[in-house]
PDB file of N, CA and C in Angstrom:
ATOM      1  N   MET A   1     169.181  49.491 129.877  1.00  0.00           N
ATOM      2  CA  MET A   1     168.056  50.108 129.216  1.00  0.00           C
ATOM      3  C   MET A   1     166.907  49.120 129.110  1.00  0.00           C
ATOM      4  N   SER A   2     165.721  49.628 129.293  1.00  0.00           N
ATOM      5  CA  SER A   2     164.559  48.761 129.179  1.00  0.00           C
ATOM      6  C   SER A   2     164.169  48.583 127.716  1.00  0.00           C
ATOM      7  N   LYS A   3     163.316  47.604 127.472  1.00  0.00           N
ATOM      8  CA  LYS A   3     162.880  47.337 126.101  1.00  0.00           C
ATOM      9  C   LYS A   3     162.076  48.492 125.530  1.00  0.00           C
ATOM     10  N   SER A   4     161.312  49.162 126.355  1.00  0.00           N
ATOM     11  CA  SER A   4     160.487  50.265 125.847  1.00  0.00           C
ATOM     12  C   SER A   4     161.357  51.411 125.336  1.00  0.00           C
ATOM     13  N   LYS A   5     162.489  51.661 125.983  1.00  0.00           N
ATOM     14  CA  LYS A   5     163.387  52.720 125.521  1.00  0.00           C
ATOM     15  C   LYS A   5     164.084  52.320 124.221  1.00  0.00           C
ATOM     16  N   LEU A   6     164.396  51.046 124.074  1.00  0.00           N
ATOM     17  CA  LEU A   6     165.024  50.581 122.845  1.00  0.00           C
ATOM     18  C   LEU A   6     164.056  50.629 121.671  1.00  0.00           C
ATOM     19  N   ASN A   7     162.812  50.304 121.902  1.00  0.00           N
ATOM     20  CA  ASN A   7     161.819  50.271 120.835  1.00  0.00           C
ATOM     21  C   ASN A   7     161.454  51.666 120.335  1.00  0.00           C
ATOM     22  N   LYS A   8     161.589  52.676 121.151  1.00  0.00           N
ATOM     23  CA  LYS A   8     161.249  54.034 120.728  1.00  0.00           C
ATOM     24  C   LYS A   8     162.222  54.559 119.680  1.00  0.00           C
ATOM     25  N   GLY A   9     163.459  54.088 119.697  1.00  0.00           N
ATOM     26  CA  GLY A   9     164.455  54.550 118.743  1.00  0.00           C
ATOM     27  C   GLY A   9     164.420  53.816 117.418  1.00  0.00           C
ATOM     28  N   THR A  10     163.745  52.680 117.361  1.00  0.00           N
ATOM     29  CA  THR A  10     163.703  51.914 116.126  1.00  0.00           C
ATOM     30  C   THR A  10     162.465  52.276 115.319  1.00  0.00           C
ATOM     31  N   ILE A  11     162.551  52.010 114.028  1.00  0.00           N
ATOM     32  CA  ILE A  11     161.442  52.301 113.127  1.00  0.00           C
ATOM     33  C   ILE A  11     160.758  50.988 112.794  1.00  0.00           C
ATOM     34  N   SER A  12     159.443  50.975 112.869  1.00  0.00           N
ATOM     35  CA  SER A  12     158.707  49.749 112.587  1.00  0.00           C
ATOM     36  C   SER A  12     158.716  49.455 111.090  1.00  0.00           C
ATOM     37  N   LYS A  13     158.341  48.249 110.759  1.00  0.00           N
ATOM     38  CA  LYS A  13     158.296  47.812 109.359  1.00  0.00           C
ATOM     39  C   LYS A  13     157.275  48.628 108.567  1.00  0.00           C
ATOM     40  N   ALA A  14     156.139  48.938 109.164  1.00  0.00           N
ATOM     41  CA  ALA A  14     155.111  49.730 108.483  1.00  0.00           C
ATOM     42  C   ALA A  14     155.612  51.144 108.206  1.00  0.00           C
ATOM     43  N   GLU A  15     156.347  51.722 109.167  1.00  0.00           N
ATOM     44  CA  GLU A  15     156.897  53.063 108.957  1.00  0.00           C
ATOM     45  C   GLU A  15     157.966  53.054 107.868  1.00  0.00           C
ATOM     46  N   GLN A  16     158.787  51.991 107.828  1.00  0.00           N
ATOM     47  CA  GLN A  16     159.793  51.873 106.783  1.00  0.00           C
ATOM     48  C   GLN A  16     159.149  51.753 105.409  1.00  0.00           C
ATOM     49  N   GLN A  17     158.073  50.978 105.328  1.00  0.00           N
ATOM     50  CA  GLN A  17     157.375  50.834 104.054  1.00  0.00           C
ATOM     51  C   GLN A  17     156.732  52.150 103.627  1.00  0.00           C
ATOM     52  N   ALA A  18     156.176  52.886 104.578  1.00  0.00           N
ATOM     53  CA  ALA A  18     155.571  54.174 104.253  1.00  0.00           C
ATOM     54  C   ALA A  18     156.634  55.171 103.777  1.00  0.00           C
ATOM     55  N   GLU A  19     157.786  55.176 104.429  1.00  0.00           N
ATOM     56  CA  GLU A  19     158.865  56.059 104.003  1.00  0.00           C
ATOM     57  C   GLU A  19     159.404  55.670 102.636  1.00  0.00           C
ATOM     58  N   TYR A  20     159.477  54.367 102.364  1.00  0.00           N
ATOM     59  CA  TYR A  20     159.935  53.907 101.050  1.00  0.00           C
ATOM     60  C   TYR A  20     158.955  54.320  99.956  1.00  0.00           C
ATOM     61  N   ARG A  21     157.663  54.180 100.232  1.00  0.00           N
ATOM     62  CA  ARG A  21     156.653  54.602  99.249  1.00  0.00           C
ATOM     63  C   ARG A  21     156.739  56.095  98.983  1.00  0.00           C
ATOM     64  N   THR A  22     156.939  56.874 100.027  1.00  0.00           N
ATOM     65  CA  THR A  22     157.065  58.321  99.863  1.00  0.00           C
ATOM     66  C   THR A  22     158.306  58.669  99.062  1.00  0.00           C
ATOM     67  N   PHE A  23     159.425  58.041  99.388  1.00  0.00           N
ATOM     68  CA  PHE A  23     160.661  58.280  98.648  1.00  0.00           C
ATOM     69  C   PHE A  23     160.506  57.900  97.184  1.00  0.00           C
ATOM     70  N   LYS A  24     159.904  56.747  96.932  1.00  0.00           N
ATOM     71  CA  LYS A  24     159.725  56.273  95.562  1.00  0.00           C
ATOM     72  C   LYS A  24     158.837  57.234  94.771  1.00  0.00           C
ATOM     73  N   THR A  25     157.774  57.720  95.370  1.00  0.00           N
ATOM     74  CA  THR A  25     156.880  58.652  94.699  1.00  0.00           C
ATOM     75  C   THR A  25     157.578  59.955  94.373  1.00  0.00           C
ATOM     76  N   VAL A  26     158.277  60.515  95.339  1.00  0.00           N
ATOM     77  CA  VAL A  26     158.982  61.787  95.122  1.00  0.00           C
ATOM     78  C   VAL A  26     160.088  61.607  94.084  1.00  0.00           C
ATOM     79  N   PHE A  27     160.814  60.499  94.150  1.00  0.00           N
ATOM     80  CA  PHE A  27     161.888  60.242  93.193  1.00  0.00           C
ATOM     81  C   PHE A  27     161.347  60.121  91.766  1.00  0.00           C
ATOM     82  N   LEU A  28     160.245  59.395  91.601  1.00  0.00           N
ATOM     83  CA  LEU A  28     159.662  59.243  90.270  1.00  0.00           C
ATOM     84  C   LEU A  28     159.160  60.574  89.712  1.00  0.00           C
ATOM     85  N   TYR A  29     158.562  61.386  90.558  1.00  0.00           N
ATOM     86  CA  TYR A  29     158.110  62.696  90.090  1.00  0.00           C
ATOM     87  C   TYR A  29     159.289  63.618  89.777  1.00  0.00           C
ATOM     88  N   CYS A  30     160.371  63.502  90.526  1.00  0.00           N
ATOM     89  CA  CYS A  30     161.567  64.302  90.209  1.00  0.00           C
ATOM     90  C   CYS A  30     162.127  63.912  88.850  1.00  0.00           C
ATOM     91  N   ILE A  31     162.192  62.621  88.587  1.00  0.00           N
ATOM     92  CA  ILE A  31     162.653  62.159  87.277  1.00  0.00           C
ATOM     93  C   ILE A  31     161.711  62.661  86.188  1.00  0.00           C
ATOM     94  N   LEU A  32     160.415  62.576  86.423  1.00  0.00           N
ATOM     95  CA  LEU A  32     159.434  63.061  85.450  1.00  0.00           C
ATOM     96  C   LEU A  32     159.587  64.548  85.196  1.00  0.00           C
ATOM     97  N   ILE A  33     159.800  65.326  86.247  1.00  0.00           N
ATOM     98  CA  ILE A  33     159.933  66.776  86.116  1.00  0.00           C
ATOM     99  C   ILE A  33     161.210  67.144  85.362  1.00  0.00           C
ATOM    100  N   ILE A  34     162.247  66.340  85.479  1.00  0.00           N
ATOM    101  CA  ILE A  34     163.500  66.628  84.777  1.00  0.00           C
ATOM    102  C   ILE A  34     163.461  66.115  83.337  1.00  0.00           C
ATOM    103  N   VAL A  35     163.009  64.888  83.136  1.00  0.00           N
ATOM    104  CA  VAL A  35     163.108  64.236  81.829  1.00  0.00           C
ATOM    105  C   VAL A  35     162.008  64.675  80.862  1.00  0.00           C
ATOM    106  N   LEU A  36     160.783  64.834  81.331  1.00  0.00           N
ATOM    107  CA  LEU A  36     159.662  65.133  80.441  1.00  0.00           C
ATOM    108  C   LEU A  36     159.843  66.423  79.642  1.00  0.00           C
ATOM    109  N   PRO A  37     160.220  67.552  80.255  1.00  0.00           N
ATOM    110  CA  PRO A  37     160.394  68.759  79.445  1.00  0.00           C
ATOM    111  C   PRO A  37     161.521  68.659  78.418  1.00  0.00           C
ATOM    112  N   VAL A  38     162.624  68.022  78.781  1.00  0.00           N
ATOM    113  CA  VAL A  38     163.749  67.877  77.848  1.00  0.00           C
ATOM    114  C   VAL A  38     163.339  66.993  76.669  1.00  0.00           C
ATOM    115  N   THR A  39     162.695  65.882  76.973  1.00  0.00           N
ATOM    116  CA  THR A  39     162.230  64.985  75.917  1.00  0.00           C
ATOM    117  C   THR A  39     161.198  65.669  75.036  1.00  0.00           C
ATOM    118  N   THR A  40     160.280  66.396  75.652  1.00  0.00           N
ATOM    119  CA  THR A  40     159.257  67.103  74.886  1.00  0.00           C
ATOM    120  C   THR A  40     159.879  68.147  73.976  1.00  0.00           C
ATOM    121  N   PHE A  41     160.876  68.873  74.471  1.00  0.00           N
ATOM    122  CA  PHE A  41     161.515  69.899  73.651  1.00  0.00           C
ATOM    123  C   PHE A  41     162.128  69.289  72.395  1.00  0.00           C
ATOM    124  N   PHE A  42     162.986  68.288  72.577  1.00  0.00           N
ATOM    125  CA  PHE A  42     163.698  67.738  71.420  1.00  0.00           C
ATOM    126  C   PHE A  42     162.788  66.929  70.505  1.00  0.00           C
ATOM    127  N   ALA A  43     161.846  66.200  71.068  1.00  0.00           N
ATOM    128  CA  ALA A  43     160.935  65.414  70.231  1.00  0.00           C
ATOM    129  C   ALA A  43     160.042  66.327  69.400  1.00  0.00           C
ATOM    130  N   SER A  44     159.493  67.347  70.036  1.00  0.00           N
ATOM    131  CA  SER A  44     158.619  68.250  69.277  1.00  0.00           C
ATOM    132  C   SER A  44     159.420  69.075  68.275  1.00  0.00           C
ATOM    133  N   LYS A  45     160.647  69.432  68.608  1.00  0.00           N
ATOM    134  CA  LYS A  45     161.462  70.223  67.686  1.00  0.00           C
ATOM    135  C   LYS A  45     161.796  69.437  66.430  1.00  0.00           C
ATOM    136  N   TYR A  46     162.359  68.251  66.615  1.00  0.00           N
ATOM    137  CA  TYR A  46     162.850  67.509  65.453  1.00  0.00           C
ATOM    138  C   TYR A  46     161.747  66.805  64.671  1.00  0.00           C
ATOM    139  N   TRP A  47     160.783  66.223  65.370  1.00  0.00           N
ATOM    140  CA  TRP A  47     159.774  65.460  64.645  1.00  0.00           C
ATOM    141  C   TRP A  47     158.577  66.304  64.224  1.00  0.00           C
ATOM    142  N   LEU A  48     158.128  67.176  65.103  1.00  0.00           N
ATOM    143  CA  LEU A  48     156.899  67.909  64.821  1.00  0.00           C
ATOM    144  C   LEU A  48     157.164  69.208  64.069  1.00  0.00           C
ATOM    145  N   PHE A  49     157.960  70.098  64.655  1.00  0.00           N
ATOM    146  CA  PHE A  49     158.104  71.431  64.085  1.00  0.00           C
ATOM    147  C   PHE A  49     159.103  71.494  62.935  1.00  0.00           C
ATOM    148  N   ASP A  50     160.224  70.755  63.025  1.00  0.00           N
ATOM    149  CA  ASP A  50     161.180  70.737  61.907  1.00  0.00           C
ATOM    150  C   ASP A  50     160.764  69.740  60.835  1.00  0.00           C
ATOM    151  N   GLY A  51     160.302  68.571  61.254  1.00  0.00           N
ATOM    152  CA  GLY A  51     159.976  67.523  60.295  1.00  0.00           C
ATOM    153  C   GLY A  51     158.619  67.682  59.635  1.00  0.00           C
ATOM    154  N   PHE A  52     157.575  67.769  60.454  1.00  0.00           N
ATOM    155  CA  PHE A  52     156.219  67.784  59.907  1.00  0.00           C
ATOM    156  C   PHE A  52     155.820  69.161  59.386  1.00  0.00           C
ATOM    157  N   PHE A  53     155.986  70.196  60.210  1.00  0.00           N
ATOM    158  CA  PHE A  53     155.574  71.542  59.813  1.00  0.00           C
ATOM    159  C   PHE A  53     156.647  72.294  59.015  1.00  0.00           C
ATOM    160  N   GLN A  54     157.895  71.843  59.075  1.00  0.00           N
ATOM    161  CA  GLN A  54     159.028  72.447  58.369  1.00  0.00           C
ATOM    162  C   GLN A  54     159.144  73.953  58.639  1.00  0.00           C
ATOM    163  N   LEU A  55     159.169  74.296  59.914  1.00  0.00           N
ATOM    164  CA  LEU A  55     159.308  75.692  60.325  1.00  0.00           C
ATOM    165  C   LEU A  55     160.782  76.084  60.327  1.00  0.00           C
ATOM    166  N   THR A  56     161.040  77.383  60.434  1.00  0.00           N
ATOM    167  CA  THR A  56     162.423  77.851  60.524  1.00  0.00           C
ATOM    168  C   THR A  56     163.001  77.428  61.869  1.00  0.00           C
ATOM    169  N   ASN A  57     164.314  77.543  61.998  1.00  0.00           N
ATOM    170  CA  ASN A  57     165.015  77.085  63.192  1.00  0.00           C
ATOM    171  C   ASN A  57     164.565  77.862  64.433  1.00  0.00           C
ATOM    172  N   VAL A  58     164.494  79.182  64.333  1.00  0.00           N
ATOM    173  CA  VAL A  58     164.115  80.003  65.494  1.00  0.00           C
ATOM    174  C   VAL A  58     162.663  79.745  65.881  1.00  0.00           C
ATOM    175  N   THR A  59     161.785  79.658  64.916  1.00  0.00           N
ATOM    176  CA  THR A  59     160.370  79.430  65.200  1.00  0.00           C
ATOM    177  C   THR A  59     160.153  78.055  65.841  1.00  0.00           C
ATOM    178  N   SER A  60     160.838  77.047  65.320  1.00  0.00           N
ATOM    179  CA  SER A  60     160.677  75.717  65.910  1.00  0.00           C
ATOM    180  C   SER A  60     161.255  75.658  67.326  1.00  0.00           C
ATOM    181  N   ASN A  61     162.332  76.413  67.584  1.00  0.00           N
ATOM    182  CA  ASN A  61     162.870  76.485  68.947  1.00  0.00           C
ATOM    183  C   ASN A  61     161.872  77.121  69.905  1.00  0.00           C
ATOM    184  N   ILE A  62     161.223  78.182  69.460  1.00  0.00           N
ATOM    185  CA  ILE A  62     160.250  78.874  70.323  1.00  0.00           C
ATOM    186  C   ILE A  62     159.071  77.962  70.630  1.00  0.00           C
ATOM    187  N   TYR A  63     158.508  77.342  69.604  1.00  0.00           N
ATOM    188  CA  TYR A  63     157.370  76.452  69.824  1.00  0.00           C
ATOM    189  C   TYR A  63     157.765  75.236  70.667  1.00  0.00           C
ATOM    190  N   SER A  64     158.950  74.730  70.474  1.00  0.00           N
ATOM    191  CA  SER A  64     159.412  73.597  71.276  1.00  0.00           C
ATOM    192  C   SER A  64     159.600  73.996  72.734  1.00  0.00           C
ATOM    193  N   ALA A  65     160.118  75.198  72.960  1.00  0.00           N
ATOM    194  CA  ALA A  65     160.279  75.681  74.339  1.00  0.00           C
ATOM    195  C   ALA A  65     158.924  75.852  75.014  1.00  0.00           C
ATOM    196  N   VAL A  66     157.965  76.361  74.288  1.00  0.00           N
ATOM    197  CA  VAL A  66     156.615  76.513  74.855  1.00  0.00           C
ATOM    198  C   VAL A  66     156.025  75.145  75.185  1.00  0.00           C
ATOM    199  N   SER A  67     156.204  74.178  74.300  1.00  0.00           N
ATOM    200  CA  SER A  67     155.676  72.836  74.576  1.00  0.00           C
ATOM    201  C   SER A  67     156.398  72.197  75.766  1.00  0.00           C
ATOM    202  N   ALA A  68     157.686  72.462  75.936  1.00  0.00           N
ATOM    203  CA  ALA A  68     158.413  71.937  77.091  1.00  0.00           C
ATOM    204  C   ALA A  68     157.926  72.572  78.385  1.00  0.00           C
ATOM    205  N   VAL A  69     157.619  73.862  78.350  1.00  0.00           N
ATOM    206  CA  VAL A  69     157.095  74.544  79.547  1.00  0.00           C
ATOM    207  C   VAL A  69     155.718  73.995  79.904  1.00  0.00           C
ATOM    208  N   VAL A  70     154.896  73.738  78.898  1.00  0.00           N
ATOM    209  CA  VAL A  70     153.578  73.150  79.159  1.00  0.00           C
ATOM    210  C   VAL A  70     153.734  71.758  79.765  1.00  0.00           C
ATOM    211  N   ALA A  71     154.658  70.961  79.245  1.00  0.00           N
ATOM    212  CA  ALA A  71     154.909  69.623  79.796  1.00  0.00           C
ATOM    213  C   ALA A  71     155.398  69.707  81.240  1.00  0.00           C
ATOM    214  N   LEU A  72     156.262  70.671  81.521  1.00  0.00           N
ATOM    215  CA  LEU A  72     156.744  70.861  82.890  1.00  0.00           C
ATOM    216  C   LEU A  72     155.604  71.215  83.833  1.00  0.00           C
ATOM    217  N   HIS A  73     154.730  72.105  83.399  1.00  0.00           N
ATOM    218  CA  HIS A  73     153.601  72.486  84.244  1.00  0.00           C
ATOM    219  C   HIS A  73     152.645  71.315  84.468  1.00  0.00           C
ATOM    220  N   MET A  74     152.474  70.461  83.476  1.00  0.00           N
ATOM    221  CA  MET A  74     151.632  69.275  83.668  1.00  0.00           C
ATOM    222  C   MET A  74     152.263  68.332  84.687  1.00  0.00           C
ATOM    223  N   ALA A  75     153.574  68.142  84.621  1.00  0.00           N
ATOM    224  CA  ALA A  75     154.250  67.270  85.586  1.00  0.00           C
ATOM    225  C   ALA A  75     154.181  67.853  86.997  1.00  0.00           C
ATOM    226  N   LEU A  76     154.368  69.150  87.116  1.00  0.00           N
ATOM    227  CA  LEU A  76     154.250  69.792  88.430  1.00  0.00           C
ATOM    228  C   LEU A  76     152.834  69.696  88.968  1.00  0.00           C
ATOM    229  N   PHE A  77     151.840  69.863  88.090  1.00  0.00           N
ATOM    230  CA  PHE A  77     150.448  69.718  88.519  1.00  0.00           C
ATOM    231  C   PHE A  77     150.194  68.312  89.044  1.00  0.00           C
ATOM    232  N   LEU A  78     150.685  67.295  88.344  1.00  0.00           N
ATOM    233  CA  LEU A  78     150.495  65.927  88.803  1.00  0.00           C
ATOM    234  C   LEU A  78     151.130  65.695  90.165  1.00  0.00           C
ATOM    235  N   PHE A  79     152.340  66.242  90.366  1.00  0.00           N
ATOM    236  CA  PHE A  79     153.021  66.093  91.655  1.00  0.00           C
ATOM    237  C   PHE A  79     152.251  66.785  92.776  1.00  0.00           C
ATOM    238  N   ILE A  80     151.828  68.003  92.528  1.00  0.00           N
ATOM    239  CA  ILE A  80     151.094  68.752  93.557  1.00  0.00           C
ATOM    240  C   ILE A  80     149.749  68.096  93.840  1.00  0.00           C
ATOM    241  N   TYR A  81     149.072  67.631  92.803  1.00  0.00           N
ATOM    242  CA  TYR A  81     147.789  66.948  92.983  1.00  0.00           C
ATOM    243  C   TYR A  81     147.960  65.699  93.846  1.00  0.00           C
ATOM    244  N   LYS A  82     148.983  64.903  93.527  1.00  0.00           N
ATOM    245  CA  LYS A  82     149.249  63.685  94.302  1.00  0.00           C
ATOM    246  C   LYS A  82     149.609  64.027  95.748  1.00  0.00           C
ATOM    247  N   ALA A  83     150.435  65.035  95.939  1.00  0.00           N
ATOM    248  CA  ALA A  83     150.844  65.416  97.293  1.00  0.00           C
ATOM    249  C   ALA A  83     149.664  65.965  98.091  1.00  0.00           C
ATOM    250  N   TYR A  84     148.814  66.739  97.450  1.00  0.00           N
ATOM    251  CA  TYR A  84     147.698  67.361  98.161  1.00  0.00           C
ATOM    252  C   TYR A  84     146.656  66.329  98.577  1.00  0.00           C
ATOM    253  N   PHE A  85     146.339  65.396  97.698  1.00  0.00           N
ATOM    254  CA  PHE A  85     145.271  64.459  97.999  1.00  0.00           C
ATOM    255  C   PHE A  85     145.729  63.216  98.746  1.00  0.00           C
ATOM    256  N   THR A  86     147.021  63.048  98.985  1.00  0.00           N
ATOM    257  CA  THR A  86     147.467  61.925  99.809  1.00  0.00           C
ATOM    258  C   THR A  86     147.918  62.380 101.188  1.00  0.00           C
ATOM    259  N   VAL A  87     147.800  63.659 101.508  1.00  0.00           N
ATOM    260  CA  VAL A  87     148.203  64.164 102.823  1.00  0.00           C
ATOM    261  C   VAL A  87     147.294  63.609 103.901  1.00  0.00           C
ATOM    262  N   GLY A  88     146.009  63.497 103.647  1.00  0.00           N
ATOM    263  CA  GLY A  88     145.056  63.051 104.653  1.00  0.00           C
ATOM    264  C   GLY A  88     145.076  61.566 104.908  1.00  0.00           C
ATOM    265  N   THR A  89     145.681  60.772 104.035  1.00  0.00           N
ATOM    266  CA  THR A  89     145.693  59.334 104.229  1.00  0.00           C
ATOM    267  C   THR A  89     146.764  58.966 105.240  1.00  0.00           C
ATOM    268  N   GLU A  90     146.459  57.977 106.039  1.00  0.00           N
ATOM    269  CA  GLU A  90     147.393  57.551 107.078  1.00  0.00           C
ATOM    270  C   GLU A  90     148.032  56.235 106.685  1.00  0.00           C
ATOM    271  N   ALA A  91     149.196  55.987 107.201  1.00  0.00           N
ATOM    272  CA  ALA A  91     149.864  54.711 106.993  1.00  0.00           C
ATOM    273  C   ALA A  91     149.120  53.637 107.768  1.00  0.00           C
ATOM    274  N   PRO A  92     149.132  52.415 107.277  1.00  0.00           N
ATOM    275  CA  PRO A  92     148.439  51.338 107.994  1.00  0.00           C
ATOM    276  C   PRO A  92     148.980  51.165 109.404  1.00  0.00           C
ATOM    277  N   GLY A  93     148.086  51.156 110.381  1.00  0.00           N
ATOM    278  CA  GLY A  93     148.480  50.938 111.761  1.00  0.00           C
ATOM    279  C   GLY A  93     148.900  52.197 112.492  1.00  0.00           C
ATOM    280  N   SER A  94     148.947  53.334 111.817  1.00  0.00           N
ATOM    281  CA  SER A  94     149.408  54.541 112.496  1.00  0.00           C
ATOM    282  C   SER A  94     148.339  55.115 113.411  1.00  0.00           C
ATOM    283  N   SER A  95     147.067  54.845 113.133  1.00  0.00           N
ATOM    284  CA  SER A  95     146.014  55.398 113.977  1.00  0.00           C
ATOM    285  C   SER A  95     146.056  54.781 115.366  1.00  0.00           C
ATOM    286  N   ASN A  96     146.373  53.490 115.473  1.00  0.00           N
ATOM    287  CA  ASN A  96     146.483  52.850 116.779  1.00  0.00           C
ATOM    288  C   ASN A  96     147.657  53.418 117.562  1.00  0.00           C
ATOM    289  N   ARG A  97     148.766  53.651 116.904  1.00  0.00           N
ATOM    290  CA  ARG A  97     149.948  54.189 117.566  1.00  0.00           C
ATOM    291  C   ARG A  97     149.678  55.628 118.030  1.00  0.00           C
ATOM    292  N   ASP A  98     148.995  56.414 117.203  1.00  0.00           N
ATOM    293  CA  ASP A  98     148.690  57.791 117.579  1.00  0.00           C
ATOM    294  C   ASP A  98     147.746  57.835 118.778  1.00  0.00           C
ATOM    295  N   LYS A  99     146.775  56.930 118.808  1.00  0.00           N
ATOM    296  CA  LYS A  99     145.857  56.885 119.925  1.00  0.00           C
ATOM    297  C   LYS A  99     146.581  56.500 121.212  1.00  0.00           C
ATOM    298  N   ALA A 100     147.531  55.572 121.094  1.00  0.00           N
ATOM    299  CA  ALA A 100     148.284  55.143 122.274  1.00  0.00           C
ATOM    300  C   ALA A 100     149.178  56.269 122.783  1.00  0.00           C
ATOM    301  N   SER A 101     149.774  57.028 121.861  1.00  0.00           N
ATOM    302  CA  SER A 101     150.632  58.127 122.301  1.00  0.00           C
ATOM    303  C   SER A 101     149.812  59.254 122.908  1.00  0.00           C
ATOM    304  N   GLN A 102     148.578  59.429 122.464  1.00  0.00           N
ATOM    305  CA  GLN A 102     147.728  60.470 123.041  1.00  0.00           C
ATOM    306  C   GLN A 102     147.300  60.075 124.446  1.00  0.00           C
ATOM    307  N   LYS A 103     147.087  58.777 124.696  1.00  0.00           N
ATOM    308  CA  LYS A 103     146.695  58.315 126.021  1.00  0.00           C
ATOM    309  C   LYS A 103     147.829  58.522 127.024  1.00  0.00           C
ATOM    310  N   GLU A 104     149.097  58.379 126.556  1.00  0.00           N
ATOM    311  CA  GLU A 104     150.233  58.558 127.451  1.00  0.00           C
ATOM    312  C   GLU A 104     150.380  59.998 127.900  1.00  0.00           C
ATOM    313  N   ASP A 105     149.993  60.951 127.034  1.00  0.00           N
ATOM    314  CA  ASP A 105     150.108  62.374 127.383  1.00  0.00           C
ATOM    315  C   ASP A 105     149.083  62.712 128.394  1.00  0.00           C
TER     316      ASP A 105
END
């Protein structure tokens, strides 16, 4: 096998770094989407609605659920915003590789 065939199967360091950044971003947003609503529900229930406002159990559950849904929607908005506005950005050095692959075609 020639060197050019071997190099096509390997991933460059820049591509590995770009994939790691993407994985890290998605992983952090997944954790945020899972943890934020649960934390918001229990924190708002016990400290805000039961402790400060002294609401009944059912009422504090309803308000806590609404606050958790709002927190979830904020986390989803942040994820979608980040995904939408980083789609157009290219990884460093990818424009040269794309130009070279277009010349080969």
